[in-house]
Amino acid sequence: MLASERGKGYGKRAQRLLVEYLFAHTRVNRVEASTEVANVAEQKALEGAGSVREGVVRGACFRGGAWRDMVMYSILRAEVMAEV
């Protein structure tokens, strides 16, 4: 995302719309997402979209020549449907 557009809630809104679409049009019960521990902005977006932080998955991603820890998030069908 362009730096000038960050922090305006677009990512959070897009993630929420995707989750709502998947629950409305598939039989999926759980949507997962993960991001690097250092990516605090993405963690805030996931939480703002309703995802729940489940924990840290150590050494789960190899990028830039190093293994990195990831934060795992999920949201369940019942959590979204209860809001609708």
C-alpha atoms as a PDB file:
ATOM      1  CA  MET A   1       0.000   0.000   0.000  1.00  0.00           C
ATOM      2  CA  LEU A   2       1.229   3.503  -0.757  1.00  0.00           C
ATOM      3  CA  ALA A   3       2.763   5.150   2.288  1.00  0.00           C
ATOM      4  CA  SER A   4       0.338   8.062   1.956  1.00  0.00           C
ATOM      5  CA  GLU A   5      -2.633   5.662   2.237  1.00  0.00           C
ATOM      6  CA  ARG A   6      -1.434   3.707   5.265  1.00  0.00           C
ATOM      7  CA  GLY A   7      -3.239   4.085   8.556  1.00  0.00           C
ATOM      8  CA  LYS A   8      -6.598   4.926   6.977  1.00  0.00           C
ATOM      9  CA  GLY A   9      -8.230   1.572   7.739  1.00  0.00           C
ATOM     10  CA  TYR A  10      -8.286   0.256   4.164  1.00  0.00           C
ATOM     11  CA  GLY A  11      -6.411  -2.932   5.049  1.00  0.00           C
ATOM     12  CA  LYS A  12      -8.635  -3.637   8.026  1.00  0.00           C
ATOM     13  CA  ARG A  13     -11.771  -3.078   5.944  1.00  0.00           C
ATOM     14  CA  ALA A  14     -10.513  -5.244   3.066  1.00  0.00           C
ATOM     15  CA  GLN A  15      -9.666  -8.090   5.440  1.00  0.00           C
ATOM     16  CA  ARG A  16     -13.069  -7.905   7.083  1.00  0.00           C
ATOM     17  CA  LEU A  17     -14.891  -7.877   3.736  1.00  0.00           C
ATOM     18  CA  LEU A  18     -12.920 -10.928   2.605  1.00  0.00           C
ATOM     19  CA  VAL A  19     -13.790 -12.822   5.788  1.00  0.00           C
ATOM     20  CA  GLU A  20     -17.475 -11.928   5.487  1.00  0.00           C
ATOM     21  CA  TYR A  21     -17.476 -12.996   1.842  1.00  0.00           C
ATOM     22  CA  LEU A  22     -15.834 -16.347   2.611  1.00  0.00           C
ATOM     23  CA  PHE A  23     -18.306 -17.122   5.391  1.00  0.00           C
ATOM     24  CA  ALA A  24     -21.270 -16.070   3.250  1.00  0.00           C
ATOM     25  CA  HIS A  25     -20.273 -18.061   0.161  1.00  0.00           C
ATOM     26  CA  THR A  26     -18.367 -21.106   1.420  1.00  0.00           C
ATOM     27  CA  ARG A  27     -18.602 -23.671   4.189  1.00  0.00           C
ATOM     28  CA  VAL A  28     -15.322 -22.524   5.732  1.00  0.00           C
ATOM     29  CA  ASN A  29     -15.471 -22.326   9.523  1.00  0.00           C
ATOM     30  CA  ARG A  30     -12.123 -20.660  10.196  1.00  0.00           C
ATOM     31  CA  VAL A  31      -9.967 -18.103   8.409  1.00  0.00           C
ATOM     32  CA  GLU A  32      -6.319 -17.869   9.427  1.00  0.00           C
ATOM     33  CA  ALA A  33      -3.752 -15.164   8.835  1.00  0.00           C
ATOM     34  CA  SER A  34      -0.182 -14.712   9.933  1.00  0.00           C
ATOM     35  CA  THR A  35       2.320 -11.892   9.843  1.00  0.00           C
ATOM     36  CA  GLU A  36       5.861 -11.325  11.014  1.00  0.00           C
ATOM     37  CA  VAL A  37       6.256 -10.370  14.662  1.00  0.00           C
ATOM     38  CA  ALA A  38       7.789  -7.033  13.644  1.00  0.00           C
ATOM     39  CA  ASN A  39       4.795  -6.069  11.461  1.00  0.00           C
ATOM     40  CA  VAL A  40       2.810  -4.281  14.154  1.00  0.00           C
ATOM     41  CA  ALA A  41       0.659  -2.357  11.652  1.00  0.00           C
ATOM     42  CA  GLU A  42      -0.636  -5.602  10.126  1.00  0.00           C
ATOM     43  CA  GLN A  43      -1.295  -7.036  13.573  1.00  0.00           C
ATOM     44  CA  LYS A  44      -3.428  -3.994  14.401  1.00  0.00           C
ATOM     45  CA  ALA A  45      -5.315  -4.371  11.107  1.00  0.00           C
ATOM     46  CA  LEU A  46      -6.021  -8.052  11.741  1.00  0.00           C
ATOM     47  CA  GLU A  47      -7.238  -7.345  15.259  1.00  0.00           C
ATOM     48  CA  GLY A  48      -9.338  -4.426  14.017  1.00  0.00           C
ATOM     49  CA  ALA A  49     -10.959  -6.750  11.471  1.00  0.00           C
ATOM     50  CA  GLY A  50     -11.984  -9.090  14.278  1.00  0.00           C
ATOM     51  CA  SER A  51      -9.218 -11.690  14.188  1.00  0.00           C
ATOM     52  CA  VAL A  52      -7.948 -13.133  17.455  1.00  0.00           C
ATOM     53  CA  ARG A  53      -4.229 -13.425  18.160  1.00  0.00           C
ATOM     54  CA  GLU A  54      -3.477 -17.076  18.873  1.00  0.00           C
ATOM     55  CA  GLY A  55       0.239 -16.883  19.484  1.00  0.00           C
ATOM     56  CA  VAL A  56       3.713 -16.803  18.012  1.00  0.00           C
ATOM     57  CA  VAL A  57       4.928 -19.489  15.627  1.00  0.00           C
ATOM     58  CA  ARG A  58       8.682 -19.515  16.061  1.00  0.00           C
ATOM     59  CA  GLY A  59      10.962 -19.693  13.037  1.00  0.00           C
ATOM     60  CA  ALA A  60       8.052 -20.164  10.641  1.00  0.00           C
ATOM     61  CA  CYS A  61       9.135 -17.880   7.791  1.00  0.00           C
ATOM     62  CA  PHE A  62      12.431 -17.628   5.923  1.00  0.00           C
ATOM     63  CA  ARG A  63      12.914 -14.181   4.394  1.00  0.00           C
ATOM     64  CA  GLY A  64      15.931 -12.010   3.753  1.00  0.00           C
ATOM     65  CA  GLY A  65      18.340 -14.769   4.673  1.00  0.00           C
ATOM     66  CA  ALA A  66      16.918 -15.366   8.147  1.00  0.00           C
ATOM     67  CA  TRP A  67      14.226 -17.385   9.881  1.00  0.00           C
ATOM     68  CA  ARG A  68      11.565 -15.173  11.388  1.00  0.00           C
ATOM     69  CA  ASP A  69       8.828 -15.625  13.955  1.00  0.00           C
ATOM     70  CA  MET A  70       5.224 -15.181  12.861  1.00  0.00           C
ATOM     71  CA  VAL A  71       2.092 -14.189  14.770  1.00  0.00           C
ATOM     72  CA  MET A  72      -0.932 -16.386  14.030  1.00  0.00           C
ATOM     73  CA  TYR A  73      -4.467 -14.980  13.961  1.00  0.00           C
ATOM     74  CA  SER A  74      -7.852 -16.527  13.259  1.00  0.00           C
ATOM     75  CA  ILE A  75     -11.516 -15.666  13.089  1.00  0.00           C
ATOM     76  CA  LEU A  76     -14.381 -18.157  13.287  1.00  0.00           C
ATOM     77  CA  ARG A  77     -17.672 -18.249  11.438  1.00  0.00           C
ATOM     78  CA  ALA A  78     -19.678 -18.030  14.670  1.00  0.00           C
ATOM     79  CA  GLU A  79     -17.859 -14.832  15.673  1.00  0.00           C
ATOM     80  CA  VAL A  80     -18.747 -13.077  12.426  1.00  0.00           C
ATOM     81  CA  MET A  81     -22.270 -14.438  12.086  1.00  0.00           C
ATOM     82  CA  ALA A  82     -23.096 -13.343  15.655  1.00  0.00           C
ATOM     83  CA  GLU A  83     -22.455  -9.747  14.570  1.00  0.00           C
ATOM     84  CA  VAL A  84     -24.644  -9.882  11.456  1.00  0.00           C
END
